[in-house]
């Protein structure tokens, strides 16, 4: 990937955020005590929303020009 645009950054960010959230949830289901898990899940949810906005904005920008 020679040319990084907003859509590709958003796709990488959303993929990583979903993976991290799934790992945190799996650890909690296995009984591992994570004290800051709620804050980490809120952070990943915010990153997912921000990356979805980046994907939509980047796609509209690419189609316009």
N, C-alpha and C. Protein backbone atom coordinates (compact mmCIF):
# COMPACT_ATOMS: atom_id res chain seq x y z
N UNK A 1 0.84 -1.18 0.00
CA UNK A 1 0.00 0.00 0.00
C UNK A 1 0.89 1.24 0.00
N UNK A 2 1.09 1.75 -1.17
CA UNK A 2 1.94 2.92 -1.29
C UNK A 2 1.24 4.20 -0.88
N UNK A 3 -0.04 4.31 -1.17
CA UNK A 3 -0.74 5.56 -0.89
C UNK A 3 -1.80 5.32 0.19
N UNK A 4 -1.55 5.88 1.36
CA UNK A 4 -2.48 5.78 2.47
C UNK A 4 -3.43 6.96 2.41
N UNK A 5 -4.71 6.68 2.43
CA UNK A 5 -5.70 7.75 2.48
C UNK A 5 -6.55 7.54 3.74
N UNK A 6 -7.56 8.37 3.92
CA UNK A 6 -8.37 8.29 5.14
C UNK A 6 -9.12 6.98 5.24
N UNK A 7 -9.54 6.44 4.11
CA UNK A 7 -10.29 5.18 4.15
C UNK A 7 -9.41 4.03 4.63
N UNK A 8 -8.20 3.94 4.14
CA UNK A 8 -7.32 2.84 4.55
C UNK A 8 -6.91 2.99 6.01
N UNK A 9 -6.68 4.20 6.47
CA UNK A 9 -6.37 4.41 7.90
C UNK A 9 -7.56 4.02 8.75
N UNK A 10 -8.77 4.39 8.32
CA UNK A 10 -9.97 4.03 9.06
C UNK A 10 -10.19 2.53 9.11
N UNK A 11 -9.91 1.83 8.00
CA UNK A 11 -10.07 0.38 7.99
C UNK A 11 -9.09 -0.32 8.92
N UNK A 12 -7.85 0.15 8.95
CA UNK A 12 -6.87 -0.43 9.87
C UNK A 12 -7.27 -0.15 11.31
N UNK A 13 -7.71 1.06 11.58
CA UNK A 13 -8.09 1.45 12.94
C UNK A 13 -9.31 0.67 13.42
N UNK A 14 -10.30 0.49 12.55
CA UNK A 14 -11.50 -0.25 12.97
C UNK A 14 -11.19 -1.73 13.17
N UNK A 15 -10.33 -2.28 12.36
CA UNK A 15 -9.95 -3.68 12.53
C UNK A 15 -9.20 -3.93 13.83
N UNK A 16 -8.27 -3.05 14.13
CA UNK A 16 -7.50 -3.18 15.37
C UNK A 16 -8.39 -2.97 16.59
N UNK A 17 -9.30 -2.01 16.51
CA UNK A 17 -10.17 -1.73 17.65
C UNK A 17 -11.11 -2.89 17.94
N UNK A 18 -11.67 -3.49 16.90
CA UNK A 18 -12.55 -4.65 17.10
C UNK A 18 -11.77 -5.82 17.67
N UNK A 19 -10.54 -6.02 17.21
CA UNK A 19 -9.71 -7.10 17.73
C UNK A 19 -9.39 -6.90 19.20
N UNK A 20 -9.04 -5.68 19.58
CA UNK A 20 -8.72 -5.39 20.98
C UNK A 20 -9.95 -5.55 21.86
N UNK A 21 -11.11 -5.07 21.40
CA UNK A 21 -12.33 -5.22 22.18
C UNK A 21 -12.69 -6.69 22.36
N UNK A 22 -12.54 -7.47 21.32
CA UNK A 22 -12.81 -8.90 21.42
C UNK A 22 -11.86 -9.61 22.37
N UNK A 23 -10.61 -9.21 22.36
CA UNK A 23 -9.64 -9.79 23.29
C UNK A 23 -9.97 -9.46 24.73
N UNK A 24 -10.37 -8.22 24.98
CA UNK A 24 -10.74 -7.81 26.34
C UNK A 24 -11.97 -8.58 26.81
N UNK A 25 -12.97 -8.70 25.94
CA UNK A 25 -14.18 -9.42 26.31
C UNK A 25 -13.88 -10.91 26.54
N UNK A 26 -13.03 -11.49 25.72
CA UNK A 26 -12.65 -12.90 25.91
C UNK A 26 -11.91 -13.10 27.22
N UNK A 27 -11.04 -12.17 27.57
CA UNK A 27 -10.33 -12.29 28.84
C UNK A 27 -11.29 -12.18 30.02
N UNK A 28 -12.27 -11.30 29.91
CA UNK A 28 -13.26 -11.18 30.98
C UNK A 28 -14.12 -12.44 31.09
N UNK A 29 -14.46 -13.04 29.96
CA UNK A 29 -15.25 -14.27 29.98
C UNK A 29 -14.46 -15.45 30.56
N UNK A 30 -13.15 -15.42 30.40
CA UNK A 30 -12.31 -16.47 30.97
C UNK A 30 -12.05 -16.26 32.46
N UNK A 31 -12.50 -15.14 32.99
CA UNK A 31 -12.37 -14.90 34.42
C UNK A 31 -11.14 -14.11 34.82
N UNK A 32 -10.44 -13.56 33.88
CA UNK A 32 -9.27 -12.74 34.19
C UNK A 32 -9.76 -11.37 34.64
N UNK A 33 -9.29 -10.95 35.78
CA UNK A 33 -9.73 -9.67 36.33
C UNK A 33 -8.91 -8.53 35.74
N UNK A 34 -9.60 -7.66 35.03
CA UNK A 34 -8.96 -6.48 34.44
C UNK A 34 -9.67 -5.27 35.04
N UNK A 35 -8.95 -4.51 35.84
CA UNK A 35 -9.55 -3.40 36.57
C UNK A 35 -10.02 -2.26 35.68
N UNK A 36 -9.31 -2.02 34.59
CA UNK A 36 -9.66 -0.89 33.73
C UNK A 36 -10.40 -1.31 32.47
N UNK A 37 -10.98 -2.52 32.49
CA UNK A 37 -11.67 -3.05 31.32
C UNK A 37 -12.81 -2.16 30.83
N UNK A 38 -13.65 -1.60 31.73
CA UNK A 38 -14.72 -0.73 31.21
C UNK A 38 -14.19 0.48 30.45
N UNK A 39 -13.11 1.06 30.95
CA UNK A 39 -12.53 2.23 30.28
C UNK A 39 -11.90 1.84 28.94
N UNK A 40 -11.29 0.67 28.89
CA UNK A 40 -10.72 0.20 27.63
C UNK A 40 -11.80 -0.09 26.60
N UNK A 41 -12.93 -0.66 27.04
CA UNK A 41 -14.02 -0.94 26.11
C UNK A 41 -14.67 0.34 25.62
N UNK A 42 -14.79 1.34 26.47
CA UNK A 42 -15.32 2.64 26.03
C UNK A 42 -14.37 3.27 25.02
N UNK A 43 -13.07 3.17 25.29
CA UNK A 43 -12.09 3.72 24.36
C UNK A 43 -12.14 3.03 23.00
N UNK A 44 -12.27 1.70 23.01
CA UNK A 44 -12.35 1.00 21.73
C UNK A 44 -13.65 1.32 21.00
N UNK A 45 -14.74 1.51 21.74
CA UNK A 45 -16.00 1.89 21.10
C UNK A 45 -15.88 3.26 20.44
N UNK A 46 -15.22 4.18 21.11
CA UNK A 46 -15.01 5.51 20.53
C UNK A 46 -14.10 5.43 19.29
N UNK A 47 -13.09 4.60 19.35
CA UNK A 47 -12.21 4.43 18.19
C UNK A 47 -12.95 3.80 17.01
N UNK A 48 -13.87 2.89 17.29
CA UNK A 48 -14.66 2.28 16.22
C UNK A 48 -15.54 3.33 15.56
N UNK A 49 -16.18 4.18 16.36
CA UNK A 49 -17.03 5.23 15.81
C UNK A 49 -16.20 6.23 15.00
N UNK A 50 -15.05 6.63 15.55
CA UNK A 50 -14.20 7.59 14.84
C UNK A 50 -13.69 7.01 13.52
N UNK A 51 -13.32 5.73 13.52
CA UNK A 51 -12.82 5.14 12.29
C UNK A 51 -13.94 4.95 11.26
N UNK A 52 -15.16 4.68 11.72
CA UNK A 52 -16.28 4.60 10.78
C UNK A 52 -16.52 5.96 10.12
N UNK A 53 -16.40 7.03 10.90
CA UNK A 53 -16.53 8.38 10.35
C UNK A 53 -15.42 8.65 9.34
N UNK A 54 -14.19 8.21 9.65
CA UNK A 54 -13.07 8.37 8.72
C UNK A 54 -13.33 7.62 7.41
N UNK A 55 -13.88 6.42 7.51
CA UNK A 55 -14.14 5.63 6.31
C UNK A 55 -15.19 6.32 5.45
N UNK A 56 -16.25 6.78 6.07
CA UNK A 56 -17.32 7.45 5.30
C UNK A 56 -16.81 8.74 4.68
N UNK A 57 -16.10 9.55 5.46
CA UNK A 57 -15.58 10.81 4.94
C UNK A 57 -14.55 10.58 3.84
N UNK A 58 -13.66 9.62 4.04
CA UNK A 58 -12.64 9.33 3.04
C UNK A 58 -13.23 8.78 1.76
N UNK A 59 -14.28 7.98 1.88
CA UNK A 59 -14.93 7.45 0.68
C UNK A 59 -15.65 8.55 -0.09
N UNK A 60 -16.30 9.45 0.61
CA UNK A 60 -16.96 10.57 -0.07
C UNK A 60 -15.95 11.48 -0.73
N UNK A 61 -14.82 11.69 -0.07
CA UNK A 61 -13.76 12.54 -0.64
C UNK A 61 -13.15 11.89 -1.87
N UNK A 62 -12.98 10.57 -1.86
CA UNK A 62 -12.40 9.88 -3.01
C UNK A 62 -13.36 9.86 -4.18
N UNK A 63 -14.65 9.76 -3.91
CA UNK A 63 -15.64 9.75 -5.00
C UNK A 63 -15.85 11.14 -5.59
N UNK A 64 -15.62 12.18 -4.79
CA UNK A 64 -15.83 13.54 -5.29
C UNK A 64 -14.70 13.98 -6.23
N UNK A 65 -13.49 13.48 -5.97
CA UNK A 65 -12.38 14.00 -6.76
C UNK A 65 -11.64 13.03 -7.55
